[in-house]
N, C-alpha and C. Protein backbone atom coordinates (compact mmCIF):
# COMPACT_ATOMS: atom_id res chain seq x y z
N MET A 1 -1.02 -4.05 -15.67
CA MET A 1 -0.63 -2.75 -15.11
C MET A 1 -0.22 -2.94 -13.65
N LEU A 2 0.84 -2.28 -13.27
CA LEU A 2 1.37 -2.39 -11.91
C LEU A 2 0.33 -2.04 -10.86
N GLY A 3 -0.40 -0.97 -11.08
CA GLY A 3 -1.42 -0.54 -10.11
C GLY A 3 -2.45 -1.61 -9.82
N GLU A 4 -2.88 -2.32 -10.86
CA GLU A 4 -3.87 -3.39 -10.67
C GLU A 4 -3.27 -4.54 -9.87
N ASN A 5 -2.01 -4.90 -10.17
CA ASN A 5 -1.34 -5.96 -9.42
C ASN A 5 -1.19 -5.57 -7.96
N ILE A 6 -0.85 -4.32 -7.72
CA ILE A 6 -0.66 -3.86 -6.35
C ILE A 6 -1.99 -3.81 -5.61
N GLU A 7 -3.04 -3.39 -6.29
CA GLU A 7 -4.37 -3.40 -5.67
C GLU A 7 -4.75 -4.82 -5.25
N ALA A 8 -4.55 -5.78 -6.13
CA ALA A 8 -4.88 -7.18 -5.82
C ALA A 8 -4.03 -7.69 -4.65
N PHE A 9 -2.74 -7.35 -4.65
CA PHE A 9 -1.84 -7.76 -3.58
C PHE A 9 -2.30 -7.19 -2.24
N ALA A 10 -2.57 -5.89 -2.20
CA ALA A 10 -2.99 -5.24 -0.96
C ALA A 10 -4.33 -5.80 -0.48
N THR A 11 -5.25 -6.01 -1.40
CA THR A 11 -6.56 -6.56 -1.04
C THR A 11 -6.42 -7.96 -0.46
N LYS A 12 -5.55 -8.77 -1.07
CA LYS A 12 -5.31 -10.13 -0.55
C LYS A 12 -4.79 -10.07 0.88
N TRP A 13 -3.81 -9.22 1.13
CA TRP A 13 -3.22 -9.16 2.47
C TRP A 13 -4.19 -8.57 3.48
N HIS A 14 -5.02 -7.64 3.08
CA HIS A 14 -5.99 -7.07 4.02
C HIS A 14 -7.14 -8.03 4.31
N GLY A 15 -7.41 -8.94 3.38
CA GLY A 15 -8.46 -9.93 3.61
C GLY A 15 -9.78 -9.29 3.96
N SER A 16 -10.23 -9.50 5.17
CA SER A 16 -11.55 -9.00 5.60
C SER A 16 -11.49 -7.59 6.15
N GLN A 17 -10.36 -6.93 6.07
CA GLN A 17 -10.22 -5.56 6.59
C GLN A 17 -10.80 -4.57 5.57
N VAL A 18 -12.11 -4.63 5.38
CA VAL A 18 -12.79 -3.84 4.36
C VAL A 18 -12.54 -2.34 4.54
N ARG A 19 -12.51 -1.89 5.76
CA ARG A 19 -12.28 -0.47 6.02
C ARG A 19 -10.94 -0.02 5.45
N ASN A 20 -9.91 -0.85 5.61
CA ASN A 20 -8.60 -0.51 5.08
C ASN A 20 -8.58 -0.50 3.56
N ILE A 21 -9.28 -1.43 2.95
CA ILE A 21 -9.35 -1.48 1.49
C ILE A 21 -10.04 -0.23 0.96
N GLU A 22 -11.14 0.15 1.57
CA GLU A 22 -11.84 1.37 1.15
C GLU A 22 -10.97 2.61 1.38
N HIS A 23 -10.25 2.64 2.49
CA HIS A 23 -9.34 3.74 2.80
C HIS A 23 -8.29 3.87 1.68
N CYS A 24 -7.72 2.75 1.26
CA CYS A 24 -6.73 2.77 0.19
C CYS A 24 -7.35 3.28 -1.11
N ARG A 25 -8.55 2.85 -1.43
CA ARG A 25 -9.21 3.31 -2.65
C ARG A 25 -9.42 4.82 -2.63
N GLU A 26 -9.76 5.35 -1.47
CA GLU A 26 -9.94 6.80 -1.35
C GLU A 26 -8.63 7.53 -1.62
N ILE A 27 -7.53 7.01 -1.09
CA ILE A 27 -6.23 7.64 -1.31
C ILE A 27 -5.83 7.55 -2.78
N VAL A 28 -6.08 6.41 -3.41
CA VAL A 28 -5.77 6.25 -4.83
C VAL A 28 -6.49 7.32 -5.65
N GLU A 29 -7.73 7.58 -5.34
CA GLU A 29 -8.49 8.58 -6.08
C GLU A 29 -7.90 9.98 -5.92
N ILE A 30 -7.32 10.26 -4.78
CA ILE A 30 -6.72 11.57 -4.54
C ILE A 30 -5.38 11.69 -5.27
N LEU A 31 -4.58 10.64 -5.27
CA LEU A 31 -3.19 10.74 -5.71
C LEU A 31 -2.99 10.57 -7.22
N LYS A 32 -3.55 9.55 -7.81
CA LYS A 32 -3.60 9.32 -9.25
C LYS A 32 -2.30 9.17 -10.04
N THR A 33 -1.12 9.13 -9.44
CA THR A 33 0.10 8.81 -10.18
C THR A 33 0.52 7.40 -9.80
N GLU A 34 1.25 6.70 -10.66
CA GLU A 34 1.59 5.31 -10.38
C GLU A 34 2.36 5.15 -9.08
N ASP A 35 3.34 6.01 -8.82
CA ASP A 35 4.09 5.91 -7.57
C ASP A 35 3.19 6.14 -6.37
N MET A 36 2.35 7.12 -6.48
CA MET A 36 1.46 7.43 -5.36
C MET A 36 0.38 6.37 -5.20
N ILE A 37 -0.09 5.82 -6.31
CA ILE A 37 -1.08 4.73 -6.23
C ILE A 37 -0.44 3.51 -5.55
N THR A 38 0.81 3.24 -5.88
CA THR A 38 1.54 2.15 -5.23
C THR A 38 1.57 2.37 -3.72
N ALA A 39 1.94 3.56 -3.32
CA ALA A 39 2.01 3.89 -1.89
C ALA A 39 0.63 3.79 -1.25
N ALA A 40 -0.39 4.27 -1.95
CA ALA A 40 -1.75 4.22 -1.40
C ALA A 40 -2.19 2.79 -1.12
N TRP A 41 -1.90 1.89 -2.05
CA TRP A 41 -2.33 0.51 -1.87
C TRP A 41 -1.50 -0.26 -0.84
N LEU A 42 -0.25 0.07 -0.71
CA LEU A 42 0.62 -0.75 0.13
C LEU A 42 0.90 -0.20 1.52
N HIS A 43 0.58 1.06 1.79
CA HIS A 43 1.01 1.64 3.07
C HIS A 43 0.43 0.91 4.27
N ASP A 44 -0.82 0.52 4.23
CA ASP A 44 -1.41 -0.20 5.36
C ASP A 44 -1.03 -1.67 5.40
N VAL A 45 -0.62 -2.22 4.26
CA VAL A 45 -0.22 -3.63 4.23
C VAL A 45 0.94 -3.85 5.20
N LEU A 46 1.91 -2.93 5.19
CA LEU A 46 3.04 -3.07 6.11
C LEU A 46 2.63 -2.87 7.57
N GLU A 47 1.68 -2.00 7.80
CA GLU A 47 1.30 -1.64 9.17
C GLU A 47 0.26 -2.58 9.77
N ASP A 48 -0.67 -3.08 8.95
CA ASP A 48 -1.84 -3.77 9.49
C ASP A 48 -1.93 -5.25 9.17
N THR A 49 -0.91 -5.81 8.51
CA THR A 49 -0.94 -7.24 8.19
C THR A 49 0.40 -7.87 8.56
N ASP A 50 0.50 -9.16 8.37
CA ASP A 50 1.75 -9.87 8.63
C ASP A 50 2.73 -9.79 7.46
N CYS A 51 2.36 -9.07 6.41
CA CYS A 51 3.24 -8.91 5.26
C CYS A 51 4.41 -8.00 5.64
N GLY A 52 5.61 -8.43 5.31
CA GLY A 52 6.78 -7.61 5.60
C GLY A 52 7.34 -6.97 4.35
N SER A 53 8.29 -6.09 4.54
CA SER A 53 8.88 -5.39 3.40
C SER A 53 9.59 -6.36 2.44
N GLN A 54 10.12 -7.46 2.95
CA GLN A 54 10.78 -8.44 2.08
C GLN A 54 9.78 -9.10 1.13
N THR A 55 8.56 -9.32 1.59
CA THR A 55 7.53 -9.89 0.72
C THR A 55 7.20 -8.92 -0.40
N ILE A 56 7.08 -7.64 -0.06
CA ILE A 56 6.81 -6.62 -1.08
C ILE A 56 7.98 -6.55 -2.05
N TYR A 57 9.18 -6.61 -1.53
CA TYR A 57 10.37 -6.57 -2.39
C TYR A 57 10.37 -7.76 -3.36
N ARG A 58 10.11 -8.96 -2.85
CA ARG A 58 10.09 -10.15 -3.71
C ARG A 58 9.00 -10.04 -4.78
N GLU A 59 7.87 -9.49 -4.42
CA GLU A 59 6.74 -9.40 -5.34
C GLU A 59 6.95 -8.31 -6.40
N PHE A 60 7.47 -7.15 -5.99
CA PHE A 60 7.52 -5.99 -6.87
C PHE A 60 8.91 -5.40 -7.09
N GLY A 61 9.92 -5.84 -6.33
CA GLY A 61 11.27 -5.34 -6.50
C GLY A 61 11.54 -4.01 -5.85
N PHE A 62 10.68 -3.56 -4.96
CA PHE A 62 10.89 -2.28 -4.29
C PHE A 62 11.99 -2.42 -3.25
N ASN A 63 12.79 -1.38 -3.12
CA ASN A 63 13.87 -1.40 -2.13
C ASN A 63 13.40 -0.83 -0.80
N GLY A 64 14.30 -0.79 0.16
CA GLY A 64 13.98 -0.29 1.49
C GLY A 64 13.51 1.15 1.48
N HIS A 65 14.07 1.96 0.57
CA HIS A 65 13.64 3.36 0.47
C HIS A 65 12.15 3.44 0.17
N CYS A 66 11.70 2.60 -0.74
CA CYS A 66 10.27 2.61 -1.09
C CYS A 66 9.41 2.20 0.10
N THR A 67 9.81 1.18 0.82
CA THR A 67 8.99 0.75 1.95
C THR A 67 9.01 1.80 3.06
N ASN A 68 10.11 2.54 3.20
CA ASN A 68 10.12 3.65 4.15
C ASN A 68 9.14 4.73 3.72
N ARG A 69 9.07 4.98 2.43
CA ARG A 69 8.10 5.96 1.92
C ARG A 69 6.67 5.48 2.18
N LEU A 70 6.45 4.17 2.04
CA LEU A 70 5.12 3.63 2.32
C LEU A 70 4.75 3.87 3.78
N SER A 71 5.69 3.67 4.67
CA SER A 71 5.43 3.92 6.09
C SER A 71 5.14 5.40 6.34
N GLN A 72 5.83 6.28 5.61
CA GLN A 72 5.59 7.71 5.74
C GLN A 72 4.17 8.04 5.29
N VAL A 73 3.71 7.46 4.18
CA VAL A 73 2.35 7.69 3.72
C VAL A 73 1.35 7.22 4.78
N TYR A 74 1.65 6.06 5.38
CA TYR A 74 0.78 5.54 6.43
C TYR A 74 0.63 6.56 7.57
N ARG A 75 1.76 7.07 8.05
CA ARG A 75 1.72 8.01 9.18
C ARG A 75 0.97 9.29 8.81
N GLU A 76 1.22 9.80 7.61
CA GLU A 76 0.56 11.02 7.16
C GLU A 76 -0.94 10.81 6.98
N SER A 77 -1.34 9.63 6.50
CA SER A 77 -2.77 9.38 6.28
C SER A 77 -3.51 9.27 7.62
N ARG A 78 -2.83 8.81 8.64
CA ARG A 78 -3.46 8.70 9.96
C ARG A 78 -3.63 10.07 10.61
N ASN A 79 -2.79 11.03 10.22
CA ASN A 79 -2.88 12.38 10.77
C ASN A 79 -3.84 13.28 9.99
N ALA A 80 -4.30 12.81 8.83
CA ALA A 80 -5.18 13.63 7.98
C ALA A 80 -6.59 13.67 8.52
């Protein structure tokens, strides 16, 4: 399942950033759709790790529009 692969990917990139992993899990529980779960798991990966949008694209095939949406989720989650 894509969601499980994305969870593993985000967890790998966050490494010891346990707070970020828990934050993503909380968002996943709120959102519950595959697109939103994808955004929940990956939004901090772009902001808080050395992973770039090209790495996400190579791994999952997401285009620039998707990574822009991930950044939007990141900004909105910080304002919540």
